[in-house]
Amino acid sequence: MAGVVDIVQEQLEAYNARDLERFAATYAESIRIYRLPATDPAIVGKGQLAETYRKRFASPGLHADIVNRIVLGNKVIDHERVAGIKEVPIEAVAVYEVVSGLIETVWFFYPVTRGGSRP
């Protein structure tokens, strides 16, 4: 499913360019983003997505690299390394669900640190 990979890659490129309009255009109006293990979404809707990422895109040096990518049907699973948010790069697994050519749901998984906290 080249289209599934294409839309996720486009959002990555827009993220790295800190191009909010282009980034938001890859998401459905009804986007839901989860930061697991939380069961309630951290972001609901394109308006909240834009507000959250407008702040993040102000971070100098913000850049995400894909360590590994797996595609399974309409899901793209990325092992990401993100620099420019904290003092050291953050690693996460993101599962992007693409429906009708747009990202509709994202689940982020973060490693647990020694103190039991997540980034």
C-alpha atoms as a PDB file:
ATOM      1  CA  MET A   1       0.000   0.000   0.000  1.00  0.00           C
ATOM      2  CA  ALA A   2       2.217   2.776  -1.289  1.00  0.00           C
ATOM      3  CA  GLY A   3      -0.392   5.422  -0.411  1.00  0.00           C
ATOM      4  CA  VAL A   4      -0.299   4.470   3.263  1.00  0.00           C
ATOM      5  CA  VAL A   5       3.489   4.856   3.406  1.00  0.00           C
ATOM      6  CA  ASP A   6       3.378   8.030   1.304  1.00  0.00           C
ATOM      7  CA  ILE A   7       1.076   9.924   3.696  1.00  0.00           C
ATOM      8  CA  VAL A   8       3.088   8.915   6.779  1.00  0.00           C
ATOM      9  CA  GLN A   9       6.330   9.874   5.025  1.00  0.00           C
ATOM     10  CA  GLU A  10       4.795  13.227   4.016  1.00  0.00           C
ATOM     11  CA  GLN A  11       3.872  13.970   7.645  1.00  0.00           C
ATOM     12  CA  LEU A  12       7.436  13.084   8.712  1.00  0.00           C
ATOM     13  CA  GLU A  13       8.933  15.421   6.118  1.00  0.00           C
ATOM     14  CA  ALA A  14       6.528  18.207   7.103  1.00  0.00           C
ATOM     15  CA  TYR A  15       7.394  17.616  10.791  1.00  0.00           C
ATOM     16  CA  ASN A  16      11.111  17.934  10.049  1.00  0.00           C
ATOM     17  CA  ALA A  17      10.470  21.086   8.002  1.00  0.00           C
ATOM     18  CA  ARG A  18       8.301  22.406  10.877  1.00  0.00           C
ATOM     19  CA  ASP A  19       5.624  23.174   8.294  1.00  0.00           C
ATOM     20  CA  LEU A  20       2.445  23.125  10.374  1.00  0.00           C
ATOM     21  CA  GLU A  21       0.005  23.549   7.480  1.00  0.00           C
ATOM     22  CA  ARG A  22       1.584  20.737   5.447  1.00  0.00           C
ATOM     23  CA  PHE A  23       1.859  18.540   8.573  1.00  0.00           C
ATOM     24  CA  ALA A  24      -1.795  19.039   9.577  1.00  0.00           C
ATOM     25  CA  ALA A  25      -2.934  18.315   5.997  1.00  0.00           C
ATOM     26  CA  THR A  26      -1.844  14.675   6.430  1.00  0.00           C
ATOM     27  CA  TYR A  27      -4.315  14.130   9.303  1.00  0.00           C
ATOM     28  CA  ALA A  28      -8.065  13.522   9.304  1.00  0.00           C
ATOM     29  CA  GLU A  29     -10.304  16.125  10.965  1.00  0.00           C
ATOM     30  CA  SER A  30     -11.217  13.464  13.534  1.00  0.00           C
ATOM     31  CA  ILE A  31      -7.585  12.599  14.405  1.00  0.00           C
ATOM     32  CA  ARG A  32      -7.022  10.907  17.768  1.00  0.00           C
ATOM     33  CA  ILE A  33      -3.528  10.574  19.206  1.00  0.00           C
ATOM     34  CA  TYR A  34      -2.845   8.307  22.169  1.00  0.00           C
ATOM     35  CA  ARG A  35       0.214   8.220  24.408  1.00  0.00           C
ATOM     36  CA  LEU A  36       0.012   4.743  25.844  1.00  0.00           C
ATOM     37  CA  PRO A  37      -0.648   3.317  28.364  1.00  0.00           C
ATOM     38  CA  ALA A  38      -3.226   6.132  28.719  1.00  0.00           C
ATOM     39  CA  THR A  39      -6.612   5.010  27.425  1.00  0.00           C
ATOM     40  CA  ASP A  40      -7.875   8.531  26.746  1.00  0.00           C
ATOM     41  CA  PRO A  41      -6.513  10.355  23.701  1.00  0.00           C
ATOM     42  CA  ALA A  42      -3.930  13.088  24.331  1.00  0.00           C
ATOM     43  CA  ILE A  43      -5.047  14.932  21.183  1.00  0.00           C
ATOM     44  CA  VAL A  44      -8.524  14.956  19.655  1.00  0.00           C
ATOM     45  CA  GLY A  45      -9.271  16.774  16.415  1.00  0.00           C
ATOM     46  CA  LYS A  46      -7.213  18.771  13.976  1.00  0.00           C
ATOM     47  CA  GLY A  47      -7.564  21.999  15.987  1.00  0.00           C
ATOM     48  CA  GLN A  48      -5.894  20.492  19.049  1.00  0.00           C
ATOM     49  CA  LEU A  49      -3.288  18.832  16.812  1.00  0.00           C
ATOM     50  CA  ALA A  50      -2.365  22.210  15.300  1.00  0.00           C
ATOM     51  CA  GLU A  51      -2.218  23.907  18.712  1.00  0.00           C
ATOM     52  CA  THR A  52       0.029  21.177  20.164  1.00  0.00           C
ATOM     53  CA  TYR A  53       2.407  21.015  17.218  1.00  0.00           C
ATOM     54  CA  ARG A  54       2.583  24.801  16.761  1.00  0.00           C
ATOM     55  CA  LYS A  55       4.318  24.878  20.162  1.00  0.00           C
ATOM     56  CA  ARG A  56       6.515  21.875  19.353  1.00  0.00           C
ATOM     57  CA  PHE A  57       7.592  23.323  15.991  1.00  0.00           C
ATOM     58  CA  ALA A  58       8.987  26.363  17.829  1.00  0.00           C
ATOM     59  CA  SER A  59      11.724  24.108  19.284  1.00  0.00           C
ATOM     60  CA  PRO A  60      15.052  24.749  17.573  1.00  0.00           C
ATOM     61  CA  GLY A  61      16.751  21.632  16.296  1.00  0.00           C
ATOM     62  CA  LEU A  62      13.533  19.600  16.175  1.00  0.00           C
ATOM     63  CA  HIS A  63      14.113  16.580  13.954  1.00  0.00           C
ATOM     64  CA  ALA A  64      12.760  13.032  13.752  1.00  0.00           C
ATOM     65  CA  ASP A  65      14.549  10.077  12.206  1.00  0.00           C
ATOM     66  CA  ILE A  66      13.034   6.699  11.418  1.00  0.00           C
ATOM     67  CA  VAL A  67      15.111   3.885  12.894  1.00  0.00           C
ATOM     68  CA  ASN A  68      12.842   1.188  11.472  1.00  0.00           C
ATOM     69  CA  ARG A  69       9.525   1.066   9.596  1.00  0.00           C
ATOM     70  CA  ILE A  70       7.014  -1.762   9.227  1.00  0.00           C
ATOM     71  CA  VAL A  71       3.880  -1.632   7.090  1.00  0.00           C
ATOM     72  CA  LEU A  72       0.934  -3.899   7.816  1.00  0.00           C
ATOM     73  CA  GLY A  73      -2.239  -3.179   5.850  1.00  0.00           C
ATOM     74  CA  ASN A  74      -3.332   0.369   6.654  1.00  0.00           C
ATOM     75  CA  LYS A  75      -0.901   0.656   9.601  1.00  0.00           C
ATOM     76  CA  VAL A  76       2.594   2.110   9.463  1.00  0.00           C
ATOM     77  CA  ILE A  77       4.708   1.324  12.510  1.00  0.00           C
ATOM     78  CA  ASP A  78       7.726   3.589  12.974  1.00  0.00           C
ATOM     79  CA  HIS A  79      10.518   3.338  15.516  1.00  0.00           C
ATOM     80  CA  GLU A  80      11.336   7.042  15.803  1.00  0.00           C
ATOM     81  CA  ARG A  81      14.216   8.967  17.330  1.00  0.00           C
ATOM     82  CA  VAL A  82      13.293  12.617  17.949  1.00  0.00           C
ATOM     83  CA  ALA A  83      15.820  15.313  18.808  1.00  0.00           C
ATOM     84  CA  GLY A  84      15.188  18.895  19.836  1.00  0.00           C
ATOM     85  CA  ILE A  85      12.425  18.348  22.414  1.00  0.00           C
ATOM     86  CA  LYS A  86      14.492  17.305  25.423  1.00  0.00           C
ATOM     87  CA  GLU A  87      18.197  17.396  26.199  1.00  0.00           C
ATOM     88  CA  VAL A  88      18.680  13.910  24.747  1.00  0.00           C
ATOM     89  CA  PRO A  89      16.830  12.325  21.813  1.00  0.00           C
ATOM     90  CA  ILE A  90      13.557  10.592  22.640  1.00  0.00           C
ATOM     91  CA  GLU A  91      12.796   7.182  21.201  1.00  0.00           C
ATOM     92  CA  ALA A  92       9.269   6.008  20.586  1.00  0.00           C
ATOM     93  CA  VAL A  93       7.224   3.615  18.523  1.00  0.00           C
ATOM     94  CA  ALA A  94       4.408   5.265  16.602  1.00  0.00           C
ATOM     95  CA  VAL A  95       1.598   3.304  14.993  1.00  0.00           C
ATOM     96  CA  TYR A  96      -0.161   5.355  12.317  1.00  0.00           C
ATOM     97  CA  GLU A  97      -3.559   4.188  11.074  1.00  0.00           C
ATOM     98  CA  VAL A  98      -4.385   5.567   7.628  1.00  0.00           C
ATOM     99  CA  VAL A  99      -7.997   5.708   6.465  1.00  0.00           C
ATOM    100  CA  SER A 100      -9.108   7.225   3.143  1.00  0.00           C
ATOM    101  CA  GLY A 101      -5.627   8.658   2.525  1.00  0.00           C
ATOM    102  CA  LEU A 102      -5.277  10.491   5.866  1.00  0.00           C
ATOM    103  CA  ILE A 103      -3.870   9.611   9.275  1.00  0.00           C
ATOM    104  CA  GLU A 104      -6.876   8.949  11.490  1.00  0.00           C
ATOM    105  CA  THR A 105      -5.324   7.478  14.650  1.00  0.00           C
ATOM    106  CA  VAL A 106      -1.822   7.418  16.143  1.00  0.00           C
ATOM    107  CA  TRP A 107      -0.641   5.387  19.124  1.00  0.00           C
ATOM    108  CA  PHE A 108       2.694   6.359  20.699  1.00  0.00           C
ATOM    109  CA  PHE A 109       4.614   3.909  22.861  1.00  0.00           C
ATOM    110  CA  TYR A 110       7.533   5.226  24.936  1.00  0.00           C
ATOM    111  CA  PRO A 111      10.121   3.205  26.819  1.00  0.00           C
ATOM    112  CA  VAL A 112       9.891   3.275  30.581  1.00  0.00           C
ATOM    113  CA  THR A 113      12.953   4.878  32.186  1.00  0.00           C
ATOM    114  CA  ARG A 114      14.702   3.576  35.301  1.00  0.00           C
ATOM    115  CA  GLY A 115      12.519   5.662  37.573  1.00  0.00           C
ATOM    116  CA  GLY A 116       9.419   4.201  35.961  1.00  0.00           C
ATOM    117  CA  SER A 117       8.538   7.428  34.154  1.00  0.00           C
ATOM    118  CA  ARG A 118       8.030   8.096  30.468  1.00  0.00           C
ATOM    119  CA  PRO A 119       9.366  11.061  28.503  1.00  0.00           C
END
